[in-house]
């Protein structure tokens, strides 16, 4: 996939784990700014960003990031994967915010109907 030459250092920094660069590359692909628009590539970079501990990426609400990854999976018609990301988002928000703030954030994100279940890794 061809990208603008000025994005190459950002792409390299993203590959090397820089969360700000990962966010920038996700947006490049999501909006097609400097590279062809690609939901799958945007989701890939957002997932790299989500691999960081939430306190390492305090410039973005972690629960909203997880929801965004779910939205991108849904855009690709991968609804089972999308629902797992939505559940992760709701679980994270409920476990890391006060009840009243969590309720409001979940409602603002449109996740109030998501039922959280436990998955067994196989």
PDB file of N, CA and C in Angstrom:
ATOM      1  N   UNK A   1       0.844  -1.172   0.000  1.00  0.00           N
ATOM      2  CA  UNK A   1       0.000   0.000   0.000  1.00  0.00           C
ATOM      3  C   UNK A   1       0.892   1.239   0.000  1.00  0.00           C
ATOM      4  N   UNK A   2       0.622   2.133  -0.910  1.00  0.00           N
ATOM      5  CA  UNK A   2       1.448   3.329  -1.068  1.00  0.00           C
ATOM      6  C   UNK A   2       0.978   4.417  -0.104  1.00  0.00           C
ATOM      7  N   UNK A   3       1.963   5.026   0.595  1.00  0.00           N
ATOM      8  CA  UNK A   3       1.656   6.162   1.455  1.00  0.00           C
ATOM      9  C   UNK A   3       2.596   7.301   1.109  1.00  0.00           C
ATOM     10  N   UNK A   4       2.199   8.513   1.468  1.00  0.00           N
ATOM     11  CA  UNK A   4       3.042   9.679   1.227  1.00  0.00           C
ATOM     12  C   UNK A   4       4.379   9.520   1.941  1.00  0.00           C
ATOM     13  N   UNK A   5       5.441   9.978   1.300  1.00  0.00           N
ATOM     14  CA  UNK A   5       6.797   9.826   1.841  1.00  0.00           C
ATOM     15  C   UNK A   5       6.952  10.463   3.214  1.00  0.00           C
ATOM     16  N   UNK A   6       6.273  11.592   3.469  1.00  0.00           N
ATOM     17  CA  UNK A   6       6.432  12.248   4.774  1.00  0.00           C
ATOM     18  C   UNK A   6       5.806  11.442   5.923  1.00  0.00           C
ATOM     19  N   UNK A   7       5.003  10.437   5.577  1.00  0.00           N
ATOM     20  CA  UNK A   7       4.417   9.579   6.616  1.00  0.00           C
ATOM     21  C   UNK A   7       5.323   8.404   6.992  1.00  0.00           C
ATOM     22  N   UNK A   8       6.348   8.154   6.207  1.00  0.00           N
ATOM     23  CA  UNK A   8       7.213   6.996   6.470  1.00  0.00           C
ATOM     24  C   UNK A   8       7.847   7.022   7.861  1.00  0.00           C
ATOM     25  N   UNK A   9       8.360   8.162   8.357  1.00  0.00           N
ATOM     26  CA  UNK A   9       8.898   8.162   9.726  1.00  0.00           C
ATOM     27  C   UNK A   9       7.816   7.898  10.775  1.00  0.00           C
ATOM     28  N   UNK A  10       6.607   8.375  10.530  1.00  0.00           N
ATOM     29  CA  UNK A  10       5.505   8.134  11.472  1.00  0.00           C
ATOM     30  C   UNK A  10       5.131   6.656  11.454  1.00  0.00           C
ATOM     31  N   UNK A  11       5.087   6.079  10.261  1.00  0.00           N
ATOM     32  CA  UNK A  11       4.779   4.649  10.138  1.00  0.00           C
ATOM     33  C   UNK A  11       5.830   3.814  10.864  1.00  0.00           C
ATOM     34  N   UNK A  12       7.100   4.183  10.726  1.00  0.00           N
ATOM     35  CA  UNK A  12       8.182   3.457  11.405  1.00  0.00           C
ATOM     36  C   UNK A  12       8.064   3.598  12.924  1.00  0.00           C
ATOM     37  N   UNK A  13       7.769   4.812  13.383  1.00  0.00           N
ATOM     38  CA  UNK A  13       7.596   5.032  14.829  1.00  0.00           C
ATOM     39  C   UNK A  13       6.415   4.223  15.355  1.00  0.00           C
ATOM     40  N   UNK A  14       5.346   4.151  14.574  1.00  0.00           N
ATOM     41  CA  UNK A  14       4.181   3.351  14.978  1.00  0.00           C
ATOM     42  C   UNK A  14       4.559   1.881  15.097  1.00  0.00           C
ATOM     43  N   UNK A  15       5.305   1.406  14.115  1.00  0.00           N
ATOM     44  CA  UNK A  15       5.758   0.005  14.125  1.00  0.00           C
ATOM     45  C   UNK A  15       6.625  -0.284  15.353  1.00  0.00           C
ATOM     46  N   UNK A  16       7.374   0.739  15.792  1.00  0.00           N
ATOM     47  CA  UNK A  16       8.259   0.592  16.953  1.00  0.00           C
ATOM     48  C   UNK A  16       7.569   0.872  18.280  1.00  0.00           C
ATOM     49  N   UNK A  17       6.238   1.048  18.254  1.00  0.00           N
ATOM     50  CA  UNK A  17       5.475   1.131  19.500  1.00  0.00           C
ATOM     51  C   UNK A  17       5.117   2.518  19.994  1.00  0.00           C
ATOM     52  N   UNK A  18       5.367   3.566  19.217  1.00  0.00           N
ATOM     53  CA  UNK A  18       5.010   4.921  19.635  1.00  0.00           C
ATOM     54  C   UNK A  18       3.490   5.092  19.536  1.00  0.00           C
ATOM     55  N   UNK A  19       2.814   5.278  20.669  1.00  0.00           N
ATOM     56  CA  UNK A  19       1.352   5.350  20.628  1.00  0.00           C
ATOM     57  C   UNK A  19       0.811   6.555  19.859  1.00  0.00           C
ATOM     58  N   UNK A  20       1.495   7.689  19.930  1.00  0.00           N
ATOM     59  CA  UNK A  20       1.031   8.858  19.173  1.00  0.00           C
ATOM     60  C   UNK A  20       1.125   8.594  17.669  1.00  0.00           C
ATOM     61  N   UNK A  21       2.184   7.938  17.248  1.00  0.00           N
ATOM     62  CA  UNK A  21       2.346   7.580  15.837  1.00  0.00           C
ATOM     63  C   UNK A  21       1.301   6.541  15.424  1.00  0.00           C
ATOM     64  N   UNK A  22       0.990   5.610  16.310  1.00  0.00           N
ATOM     65  CA  UNK A  22      -0.039   4.608  16.007  1.00  0.00           C
ATOM     66  C   UNK A  22      -1.395   5.275  15.802  1.00  0.00           C
ATOM     67  N   UNK A  23      -1.714   6.255  16.652  1.00  0.00           N
ATOM     68  CA  UNK A  23      -2.966   6.986  16.495  1.00  0.00           C
ATOM     69  C   UNK A  23      -2.975   7.751  15.175  1.00  0.00           C
ATOM     70  N   UNK A  24      -1.870   8.398  14.855  1.00  0.00           N
ATOM     71  CA  UNK A  24      -1.793   9.153  13.609  1.00  0.00           C
ATOM     72  C   UNK A  24      -1.961   8.239  12.394  1.00  0.00           C
ATOM     73  N   UNK A  25      -1.301   7.081  12.400  1.00  0.00           N
ATOM     74  CA  UNK A  25      -1.418   6.163  11.260  1.00  0.00           C
ATOM     75  C   UNK A  25      -2.836   5.595  11.162  1.00  0.00           C
ATOM     76  N   UNK A  26      -3.465   5.339  12.289  1.00  0.00           N
ATOM     77  CA  UNK A  26      -4.853   4.869  12.256  1.00  0.00           C
ATOM     78  C   UNK A  26      -5.737   5.906  11.573  1.00  0.00           C
ATOM     79  N   UNK A  27      -5.531   7.163  11.918  1.00  0.00           N
ATOM     80  CA  UNK A  27      -6.325   8.243  11.313  1.00  0.00           C
ATOM     81  C   UNK A  27      -5.993   8.430   9.829  1.00  0.00           C
ATOM     82  N   UNK A  28      -4.722   8.248   9.473  1.00  0.00           N
ATOM     83  CA  UNK A  28      -4.321   8.340   8.059  1.00  0.00           C
ATOM     84  C   UNK A  28      -5.159   7.360   7.239  1.00  0.00           C
ATOM     85  N   UNK A  29      -5.231   6.115   7.691  1.00  0.00           N
ATOM     86  CA  UNK A  29      -5.959   5.100   6.942  1.00  0.00           C
ATOM     87  C   UNK A  29      -7.471   5.251   7.076  1.00  0.00           C
ATOM     88  N   UNK A  30      -7.934   5.681   8.226  1.00  0.00           N
ATOM     89  CA  UNK A  30      -9.367   5.838   8.422  1.00  0.00           C
ATOM     90  C   UNK A  30      -9.940   6.911   7.502  1.00  0.00           C
ATOM     91  N   UNK A  31      -9.210   8.009   7.366  1.00  0.00           N
ATOM     92  CA  UNK A  31      -9.708   9.136   6.580  1.00  0.00           C
ATOM     93  C   UNK A  31      -9.061   9.262   5.196  1.00  0.00           C
ATOM     94  N   UNK A  32      -8.113   8.382   4.893  1.00  0.00           N
ATOM     95  CA  UNK A  32      -7.462   8.427   3.592  1.00  0.00           C
ATOM     96  C   UNK A  32      -6.625   9.684   3.388  1.00  0.00           C
ATOM     97  N   UNK A  33      -5.954  10.131   4.451  1.00  0.00           N
ATOM     98  CA  UNK A  33      -5.098  11.326   4.369  1.00  0.00           C
ATOM     99  C   UNK A  33      -3.645  10.898   4.232  1.00  0.00           C
ATOM    100  N   UNK A  34      -3.146  10.870   3.010  1.00  0.00           N
ATOM    101  CA  UNK A  34      -1.756  10.495   2.780  1.00  0.00           C
ATOM    102  C   UNK A  34      -1.572   9.036   2.426  1.00  0.00           C
ATOM    103  N   UNK A  35      -2.659   8.293   2.437  1.00  0.00           N
ATOM    104  CA  UNK A  35      -2.651   6.876   2.057  1.00  0.00           C
ATOM    105  C   UNK A  35      -4.072   6.526   1.642  1.00  0.00           C
ATOM    106  N   UNK A  36      -4.228   5.483   0.849  1.00  0.00           N
ATOM    107  CA  UNK A  36      -5.591   5.083   0.487  1.00  0.00           C
ATOM    108  C   UNK A  36      -6.401   4.723   1.737  1.00  0.00           C
ATOM    109  N   UNK A  37      -7.659   5.122   1.740  1.00  0.00           N
ATOM    110  CA  UNK A  37      -8.534   4.789   2.864  1.00  0.00           C
ATOM    111  C   UNK A  37      -8.627   3.277   3.010  1.00  0.00           C
ATOM    112  N   UNK A  38      -8.466   2.799   4.249  1.00  0.00           N
ATOM    113  CA  UNK A  38      -8.514   1.363   4.507  1.00  0.00           C
ATOM    114  C   UNK A  38      -8.981   1.121   5.942  1.00  0.00           C
ATOM    115  N   UNK A  39     -10.190   0.609   6.072  1.00  0.00           N
ATOM    116  CA  UNK A  39     -10.720   0.321   7.404  1.00  0.00           C
ATOM    117  C   UNK A  39      -9.873  -0.739   8.099  1.00  0.00           C
ATOM    118  N   UNK A  40      -9.463  -1.762   7.355  1.00  0.00           N
ATOM    119  CA  UNK A  40      -8.682  -2.841   7.982  1.00  0.00           C
ATOM    120  C   UNK A  40      -7.333  -2.321   8.490  1.00  0.00           C
ATOM    121  N   UNK A  41      -6.687  -1.428   7.746  1.00  0.00           N
ATOM    122  CA  UNK A  41      -5.415  -0.866   8.217  1.00  0.00           C
ATOM    123  C   UNK A  41      -5.645   0.075   9.396  1.00  0.00           C
ATOM    124  N   UNK A  42      -6.717   0.848   9.358  1.00  0.00           N
ATOM    125  CA  UNK A  42      -7.033   1.725  10.490  1.00  0.00           C
ATOM    126  C   UNK A  42      -7.254   0.890  11.739  1.00  0.00           C
ATOM    127  N   UNK A  43      -8.021  -0.180  11.596  1.00  0.00           N
ATOM    128  CA  UNK A  43      -8.295  -1.053  12.750  1.00  0.00           C
ATOM    129  C   UNK A  43      -6.999  -1.674  13.266  1.00  0.00           C
ATOM    130  N   UNK A  44      -6.112  -2.040  12.362  1.00  0.00           N
ATOM    131  CA  UNK A  44      -4.822  -2.622  12.768  1.00  0.00           C
ATOM    132  C   UNK A  44      -4.034  -1.657  13.658  1.00  0.00           C
ATOM    133  N   UNK A  45      -3.968  -0.382  13.257  1.00  0.00           N
ATOM    134  CA  UNK A  45      -3.223   0.594  14.055  1.00  0.00           C
ATOM    135  C   UNK A  45      -3.949   0.937  15.358  1.00  0.00           C
ATOM    136  N   UNK A  46      -5.270   0.997  15.330  1.00  0.00           N
ATOM    137  CA  UNK A  46      -6.008   1.215  16.587  1.00  0.00           C
ATOM    138  C   UNK A  46      -5.801   0.042  17.545  1.00  0.00           C
ATOM    139  N   UNK A  47      -5.731  -1.176  17.006  1.00  0.00           N
ATOM    140  CA  UNK A  47      -5.462  -2.336  17.869  1.00  0.00           C
ATOM    141  C   UNK A  47      -4.055  -2.255  18.467  1.00  0.00           C
ATOM    142  N   UNK A  48      -3.078  -1.782  17.684  1.00  0.00           N
ATOM    143  CA  UNK A  48      -1.731  -1.577  18.242  1.00  0.00           C
ATOM    144  C   UNK A  48      -1.799  -0.603  19.414  1.00  0.00           C
ATOM    145  N   UNK A  49      -2.563   0.447  19.233  1.00  0.00           N
ATOM    146  CA  UNK A  49      -2.722   1.453  20.284  1.00  0.00           C
ATOM    147  C   UNK A  49      -3.386   0.836  21.510  1.00  0.00           C
ATOM    148  N   UNK A  50      -4.370  -0.012  21.304  1.00  0.00           N
ATOM    149  CA  UNK A  50      -5.077  -0.650  22.417  1.00  0.00           C
ATOM    150  C   UNK A  50      -4.199  -1.645  23.165  1.00  0.00           C
ATOM    151  N   UNK A  51      -3.103  -2.092  22.554  1.00  0.00           N
ATOM    152  CA  UNK A  51      -2.189  -3.011  23.234  1.00  0.00           C
ATOM    153  C   UNK A  51      -1.407  -2.328  24.356  1.00  0.00           C
ATOM    154  N   UNK A  52      -1.390  -1.005  24.353  1.00  0.00           N
ATOM    155  CA  UNK A  52      -0.721  -0.275  25.428  1.00  0.00           C
ATOM    156  C   UNK A  52      -1.595  -0.298  26.679  1.00  0.00           C
ATOM    157  N   UNK A  53      -0.973  -0.127  27.826  1.00  0.00           N
ATOM    158  CA  UNK A  53      -1.742   0.034  29.055  1.00  0.00           C
ATOM    159  C   UNK A  53      -2.514   1.341  28.968  1.00  0.00           C
ATOM    160  N   UNK A  54      -3.729   1.378  29.508  1.00  0.00           N
ATOM    161  CA  UNK A  54      -4.531   2.608  29.414  1.00  0.00           C
ATOM    162  C   UNK A  54      -3.800   3.856  29.906  1.00  0.00           C
ATOM    163  N   UNK A  55      -3.001   3.736  30.965  1.00  0.00           N
ATOM    164  CA  UNK A  55      -2.308   4.918  31.489  1.00  0.00           C
ATOM    165  C   UNK A  55      -1.175   5.381  30.568  1.00  0.00           C
ATOM    166  N   UNK A  56      -0.752   4.530  29.646  1.00  0.00           N
ATOM    167  CA  UNK A  56       0.274   4.920  28.672  1.00  0.00           C
ATOM    168  C   UNK A  56      -0.304   5.753  27.531  1.00  0.00           C
ATOM    169  N   UNK A  57      -1.613   5.692  27.374  1.00  0.00           N
ATOM    170  CA  UNK A  57      -2.266   6.433  26.291  1.00  0.00           C
ATOM    171  C   UNK A  57      -3.378   7.305  26.869  1.00  0.00           C
ATOM    172  N   UNK A  58      -3.014   8.113  27.835  1.00  0.00           N
ATOM    173  CA  UNK A  58      -4.008   8.929  28.527  1.00  0.00           C
ATOM    174  C   UNK A  58      -4.562  10.056  27.661  1.00  0.00           C
ATOM    175  N   UNK A  59      -4.087  10.179  26.429  1.00  0.00           N
ATOM    176  CA  UNK A  59      -4.579  11.199  25.512  1.00  0.00           C
ATOM    177  C   UNK A  59      -5.843  10.745  24.780  1.00  0.00           C
ATOM    178  N   UNK A  60      -6.298   9.530  25.058  1.00  0.00           N
ATOM    179  CA  UNK A  60      -7.525   9.015  24.440  1.00  0.00           C
ATOM    180  C   UNK A  60      -8.264   8.187  25.492  1.00  0.00           C
ATOM    181  N   UNK A  61      -9.587   8.293  25.546  1.00  0.00           N
ATOM    182  CA  UNK A  61     -10.387   7.491  26.471  1.00  0.00           C
ATOM    183  C   UNK A  61     -10.308   6.038  26.005  1.00  0.00           C
ATOM    184  N   UNK A  62      -9.748   5.184  26.860  1.00  0.00           N
ATOM    185  CA  UNK A  62      -9.480   3.798  26.478  1.00  0.00           C
ATOM    186  C   UNK A  62     -10.762   3.037  26.120  1.00  0.00           C
ATOM    187  N   UNK A  63     -11.811   3.254  26.886  1.00  0.00           N
ATOM    188  CA  UNK A  63     -13.078   2.579  26.583  1.00  0.00           C
ATOM    189  C   UNK A  63     -13.622   2.979  25.221  1.00  0.00           C
ATOM    190  N   UNK A  64     -13.478   4.254  24.867  1.00  0.00           N
ATOM    191  CA  UNK A  64     -13.924   4.729  23.558  1.00  0.00           C
ATOM    192  C   UNK A  64     -13.059   4.130  22.446  1.00  0.00           C
ATOM    193  N   UNK A  65     -11.763   3.962  22.716  1.00  0.00           N
ATOM    194  CA  UNK A  65     -10.869   3.326  21.745  1.00  0.00           C
ATOM    195  C   UNK A  65     -11.322   1.896  21.452  1.00  0.00           C
ATOM    196  N   UNK A  66     -11.659   1.151  22.505  1.00  0.00           N
ATOM    197  CA  UNK A  66     -12.116  -0.228  22.320  1.00  0.00           C
ATOM    198  C   UNK A  66     -13.407  -0.261  21.510  1.00  0.00           C
ATOM    199  N   UNK A  67     -14.312   0.699  21.780  1.00  0.00           N
ATOM    200  CA  UNK A  67     -15.556   0.780  21.029  1.00  0.00           C
ATOM    201  C   UNK A  67     -15.285   1.099  19.560  1.00  0.00           C
ATOM    202  N   UNK A  68     -14.351   1.998  19.308  1.00  0.00           N
ATOM    203  CA  UNK A  68     -14.004   2.369  17.939  1.00  0.00           C
ATOM    204  C   UNK A  68     -13.497   1.158  17.150  1.00  0.00           C
ATOM    205  N   UNK A  69     -12.692   0.336  17.787  1.00  0.00           N
ATOM    206  CA  UNK A  69     -12.215  -0.885  17.117  1.00  0.00           C
ATOM    207  C   UNK A  69     -13.406  -1.784  16.784  1.00  0.00           C
ATOM    208  N   UNK A  70     -14.365  -1.858  17.698  1.00  0.00           N
ATOM    209  CA  UNK A  70     -15.592  -2.609  17.415  1.00  0.00           C
ATOM    210  C   UNK A  70     -16.353  -2.031  16.244  1.00  0.00           C
ATOM    211  N   UNK A  71     -16.451  -0.706  16.188  1.00  0.00           N
ATOM    212  CA  UNK A  71     -17.146  -0.063  15.065  1.00  0.00           C
ATOM    213  C   UNK A  71     -16.482  -0.394  13.734  1.00  0.00           C
ATOM    214  N   UNK A  72     -15.153  -0.395  13.719  1.00  0.00           N
ATOM    215  CA  UNK A  72     -14.444  -0.707  12.474  1.00  0.00           C
ATOM    216  C   UNK A  72     -14.657  -2.159  12.064  1.00  0.00           C
ATOM    217  N   UNK A  73     -14.701  -3.055  13.046  1.00  0.00           N
ATOM    218  CA  UNK A  73     -14.998  -4.458  12.738  1.00  0.00           C
ATOM    219  C   UNK A  73     -16.413  -4.576  12.172  1.00  0.00           C
ATOM    220  N   UNK A  74     -17.356  -3.834  12.750  1.00  0.00           N
ATOM    221  CA  UNK A  74     -18.737  -3.853  12.247  1.00  0.00           C
ATOM    222  C   UNK A  74     -18.802  -3.295  10.830  1.00  0.00           C
ATOM    223  N   UNK A  75     -18.020  -2.256  10.557  1.00  0.00           N
ATOM    224  CA  UNK A  75     -17.971  -1.696   9.199  1.00  0.00           C
ATOM    225  C   UNK A  75     -17.516  -2.735   8.183  1.00  0.00           C
ATOM    226  N   UNK A  76     -16.704  -3.675   8.648  1.00  0.00           N
ATOM    227  CA  UNK A  76     -16.223  -4.751   7.771  1.00  0.00           C
ATOM    228  C   UNK A  76     -17.155  -5.970   7.819  1.00  0.00           C
ATOM    229  N   UNK A  77     -18.326  -5.775   8.447  1.00  0.00           N
ATOM    230  CA  UNK A  77     -19.361  -6.819   8.566  1.00  0.00           C
ATOM    231  C   UNK A  77     -18.915  -7.999   9.424  1.00  0.00           C
ATOM    232  N   UNK A  78     -17.971  -7.754  10.324  1.00  0.00           N
ATOM    233  CA  UNK A  78     -17.503  -8.792  11.238  1.00  0.00           C
ATOM    234  C   UNK A  78     -18.147  -8.528  12.602  1.00  0.00           C
ATOM    235  N   UNK A  79     -19.438  -8.867  12.704  1.00  0.00           N
ATOM    236  CA  UNK A  79     -20.236  -8.472  13.857  1.00  0.00           C
ATOM    237  C   UNK A  79     -19.875  -9.231  15.132  1.00  0.00           C
ATOM    238  N   UNK A  80     -19.441 -10.465  15.006  1.00  0.00           N
ATOM    239  CA  UNK A  80     -19.036 -11.229  16.179  1.00  0.00           C
ATOM    240  C   UNK A  80     -17.806 -10.584  16.833  1.00  0.00           C
ATOM    241  N   UNK A  81     -16.832 -10.219  16.015  1.00  0.00           N
ATOM    242  CA  UNK A  81     -15.632  -9.543  16.526  1.00  0.00           C
ATOM    243  C   UNK A  81     -16.007  -8.175  17.080  1.00  0.00           C
ATOM    244  N   UNK A  82     -16.876  -7.466  16.376  1.00  0.00           N
ATOM    245  CA  UNK A  82     -17.313  -6.147  16.839  1.00  0.00           C
ATOM    246  C   UNK A  82     -17.929  -6.244  18.225  1.00  0.00           C
ATOM    247  N   UNK A  83     -18.795  -7.222  18.424  1.00  0.00           N
ATOM    248  CA  UNK A  83     -19.454  -7.357  19.724  1.00  0.00           C
ATOM    249  C   UNK A  83     -18.451  -7.650  20.836  1.00  0.00           C
ATOM    250  N   UNK A  84     -17.423  -8.428  20.535  1.00  0.00           N
ATOM    251  CA  UNK A  84     -16.394  -8.687  21.554  1.00  0.00           C
ATOM    252  C   UNK A  84     -15.690  -7.398  21.965  1.00  0.00           C
ATOM    253  N   UNK A  85     -15.399  -6.530  20.985  1.00  0.00           N
ATOM    254  CA  UNK A  85     -14.759  -5.253  21.306  1.00  0.00           C
ATOM    255  C   UNK A  85     -15.709  -4.353  22.087  1.00  0.00           C
ATOM    256  N   UNK A  86     -17.004  -4.386  21.743  1.00  0.00           N
ATOM    257  CA  UNK A  86     -17.975  -3.596  22.503  1.00  0.00           C
ATOM    258  C   UNK A  86     -18.042  -4.076  23.951  1.00  0.00           C
ATOM    259  N   UNK A  87     -18.025  -5.378  24.135  1.00  0.00           N
ATOM    260  CA  UNK A  87     -18.040  -5.929  25.491  1.00  0.00           C
ATOM    261  C   UNK A  87     -16.787  -5.523  26.262  1.00  0.00           C
ATOM    262  N   UNK A  88     -15.642  -5.569  25.597  1.00  0.00           N
ATOM    263  CA  UNK A  88     -14.399  -5.127  26.252  1.00  0.00           C
ATOM    264  C   UNK A  88     -14.512  -3.667  26.660  1.00  0.00           C
ATOM    265  N   UNK A  89     -15.109  -2.861  25.810  1.00  0.00           N
ATOM    266  CA  UNK A  89     -15.272  -1.443  26.101  1.00  0.00           C
ATOM    267  C   UNK A  89     -16.141  -1.237  27.334  1.00  0.00           C
ATOM    268  N   UNK A  90     -17.291  -1.866  27.354  1.00  0.00           N
ATOM    269  CA  UNK A  90     -18.203  -1.726  28.495  1.00  0.00           C
ATOM    270  C   UNK A  90     -17.549  -2.237  29.771  1.00  0.00           C
ATOM    271  N   UNK A  91     -16.899  -3.383  29.689  1.00  0.00           N
ATOM    272  CA  UNK A  91     -16.229  -3.956  30.866  1.00  0.00           C
ATOM    273  C   UNK A  91     -15.169  -2.986  31.395  1.00  0.00           C
ATOM    274  N   UNK A  92     -14.344  -2.454  30.500  1.00  0.00           N
ATOM    275  CA  UNK A  92     -13.297  -1.523  30.931  1.00  0.00           C
ATOM    276  C   UNK A  92     -13.915  -0.281  31.585  1.00  0.00           C
ATOM    277  N   UNK A  93     -14.920   0.285  30.957  1.00  0.00           N
ATOM    278  CA  UNK A  93     -15.549   1.492  31.493  1.00  0.00           C
ATOM    279  C   UNK A  93     -16.146   1.216  32.868  1.00  0.00           C
ATOM    280  N   UNK A  94     -16.863   0.123  33.019  1.00  0.00           N
ATOM    281  CA  UNK A  94     -17.492  -0.207  34.314  1.00  0.00           C
ATOM    282  C   UNK A  94     -16.442  -0.445  35.408  1.00  0.00           C
ATOM    283  N   UNK A  95     -15.322  -1.063  35.039  1.00  0.00           N
ATOM    284  CA  UNK A  95     -14.292  -1.393  36.040  1.00  0.00           C
ATOM    285  C   UNK A  95     -13.398  -0.210  36.395  1.00  0.00           C
ATOM    286  N   UNK A  96     -13.390   0.848  35.589  1.00  0.00           N
ATOM    287  CA  UNK A  96     -12.407   1.908  35.787  1.00  0.00           C
ATOM    288  C   UNK A  96     -12.992   3.298  36.002  1.00  0.00           C
ATOM    289  N   UNK A  97     -14.295   3.392  36.100  1.00  0.00           N
ATOM    290  CA  UNK A  97     -14.929   4.686  36.334  1.00  0.00           C
ATOM    291  C   UNK A  97     -15.998   4.530  37.408  1.00  0.00           C
ATOM    292  N   UNK A  98     -16.376   5.655  37.999  1.00  0.00           N
ATOM    293  CA  UNK A  98     -17.475   5.617  38.959  1.00  0.00           C
ATOM    294  C   UNK A  98     -18.733   5.172  38.226  1.00  0.00           C
ATOM    295  N   UNK A  99     -19.670   4.648  38.973  1.00  0.00           N
ATOM    296  CA  UNK A  99     -20.888   4.113  38.356  1.00  0.00           C
ATOM    297  C   UNK A  99     -21.635   5.180  37.551  1.00  0.00           C
ATOM    298  N   UNK A 100     -21.778   6.379  38.126  1.00  0.00           N
ATOM    299  CA  UNK A 100     -22.536   7.414  37.419  1.00  0.00           C
ATOM    300  C   UNK A 100     -21.815   7.864  36.141  1.00  0.00           C
ATOM    301  N   UNK A 101     -20.491   8.015  36.209  1.00  0.00           N
ATOM    302  CA  UNK A 101     -19.739   8.407  35.017  1.00  0.00           C
ATOM    303  C   UNK A 101     -19.776   7.283  33.981  1.00  0.00           C
ATOM    304  N   UNK A 102     -19.611   6.048  34.438  1.00  0.00           N
ATOM    305  CA  UNK A 102     -19.632   4.903  33.521  1.00  0.00           C
ATOM    306  C   UNK A 102     -20.975   4.820  32.803  1.00  0.00           C
ATOM    307  N   UNK A 103     -22.071   4.987  33.565  1.00  0.00           N
ATOM    308  CA  UNK A 103     -23.397   4.932  32.944  1.00  0.00           C
ATOM    309  C   UNK A 103     -23.538   5.995  31.857  1.00  0.00           C
ATOM    310  N   UNK A 104     -23.091   7.208  32.157  1.00  0.00           N
ATOM    311  CA  UNK A 104     -23.199   8.308  31.185  1.00  0.00           C
ATOM    312  C   UNK A 104     -22.322   8.039  29.962  1.00  0.00           C
ATOM    313  N   UNK A 105     -21.069   7.609  30.190  1.00  0.00           N
ATOM    314  CA  UNK A 105     -20.158   7.347  29.073  1.00  0.00           C
ATOM    315  C   UNK A 105     -20.687   6.228  28.190  1.00  0.00           C
ATOM    316  N   UNK A 106     -21.169   5.163  28.799  1.00  0.00           N
ATOM    317  CA  UNK A 106     -21.720   4.035  28.037  1.00  0.00           C
ATOM    318  C   UNK A 106     -22.918   4.491  27.216  1.00  0.00           C
ATOM    319  N   UNK A 107     -23.758   5.331  27.806  1.00  0.00           N
ATOM    320  CA  UNK A 107     -24.905   5.859  27.062  1.00  0.00           C
ATOM    321  C   UNK A 107     -24.439   6.778  25.927  1.00  0.00           C
ATOM    322  N   UNK A 108     -23.490   7.663  26.209  1.00  0.00           N
ATOM    323  CA  UNK A 108     -22.973   8.575  25.179  1.00  0.00           C
ATOM    324  C   UNK A 108     -22.348   7.812  24.014  1.00  0.00           C
ATOM    325  N   UNK A 109     -21.717   6.683  24.307  1.00  0.00           N
ATOM    326  CA  UNK A 109     -21.082   5.873  23.265  1.00  0.00           C
ATOM    327  C   UNK A 109     -22.075   4.952  22.557  1.00  0.00           C
ATOM    328  N   UNK A 110     -23.308   4.909  23.064  1.00  0.00           N
ATOM    329  CA  UNK A 110     -24.327   4.063  22.441  1.00  0.00           C
ATOM    330  C   UNK A 110     -24.148   2.589  22.740  1.00  0.00           C
ATOM    331  N   UNK A 111     -23.550   2.286  23.891  1.00  0.00           N
ATOM    332  CA  UNK A 111     -23.257   0.891  24.241  1.00  0.00           C
ATOM    333  C   UNK A 111     -24.163   0.344  25.334  1.00  0.00           C
ATOM    334  N   UNK A 112     -25.252   1.057  25.652  1.00  0.00           N
ATOM    335  CA  UNK A 112     -26.072   0.644  26.795  1.00  0.00           C
ATOM    336  C   UNK A 112     -26.757  -0.704  26.606  1.00  0.00           C
ATOM    337  N   UNK A 113     -26.906  -1.189  25.392  1.00  0.00           N
ATOM    338  CA  UNK A 113     -27.553  -2.483  25.156  1.00  0.00           C
ATOM    339  C   UNK A 113     -26.573  -3.652  25.076  1.00  0.00           C
ATOM    340  N   UNK A 114     -25.292  -3.380  25.247  1.00  0.00           N
ATOM    341  CA  UNK A 114     -24.290  -4.451  25.164  1.00  0.00           C
ATOM    342  C   UNK A 114     -24.305  -5.260  26.454  1.00  0.00           C
ATOM    343  N   UNK A 115     -24.472  -6.549  26.297  1.00  0.00           N
ATOM    344  CA  UNK A 115     -24.444  -7.469  27.438  1.00  0.00           C
ATOM    345  C   UNK A 115     -23.037  -8.042  27.552  1.00  0.00           C
ATOM    346  N   UNK A 116     -22.434  -7.891  28.717  1.00  0.00           N
ATOM    347  CA  UNK A 116     -21.062  -8.362  28.924  1.00  0.00           C
ATOM    348  C   UNK A 116     -21.106  -9.791  29.409  1.00  0.00           C
ATOM    349  N   UNK A 117     -20.387 -10.643  28.700  1.00  0.00           N
ATOM    350  CA  UNK A 117     -20.270 -12.049  29.088  1.00  0.00           C
ATOM    351  C   UNK A 117     -18.788 -12.378  29.207  1.00  0.00           C
ATOM    352  N   UNK A 118     -18.501 -13.446  29.869  1.00  0.00           N
ATOM    353  CA  UNK A 118     -17.121 -13.902  30.000  1.00  0.00           C
ATOM    354  C   UNK A 118     -16.826 -14.891  28.874  1.00  0.00           C
ATOM    355  N   UNK A 119     -15.683 -14.713  28.242  1.00  0.00           N
ATOM    356  CA  UNK A 119     -15.264 -15.630  27.190  1.00  0.00           C
ATOM    357  C   UNK A 119     -14.169 -16.527  27.745  1.00  0.00           C
ATOM    358  N   UNK A 120     -14.209 -17.784  27.368  1.00  0.00           N
ATOM    359  CA  UNK A 120     -13.176 -18.733  27.742  1.00  0.00           C
ATOM    360  C   UNK A 120     -12.206 -18.839  26.572  1.00  0.00           C
ATOM    361  N   UNK A 121     -10.920 -18.561  26.839  1.00  0.00           N
ATOM    362  CA  UNK A 121      -9.917 -18.678  25.782  1.00  0.00           C
ATOM    363  C   UNK A 121      -9.725 -20.145  25.446  1.00  0.00           C
ATOM    364  N   UNK A 122      -9.696 -20.452  24.171  1.00  0.00           N
ATOM    365  CA  UNK A 122      -9.486 -21.838  23.740  1.00  0.00           C
ATOM    366  C   UNK A 122      -8.244 -21.936  22.906  1.00  0.00           C
TER     367      UNK A 122
END
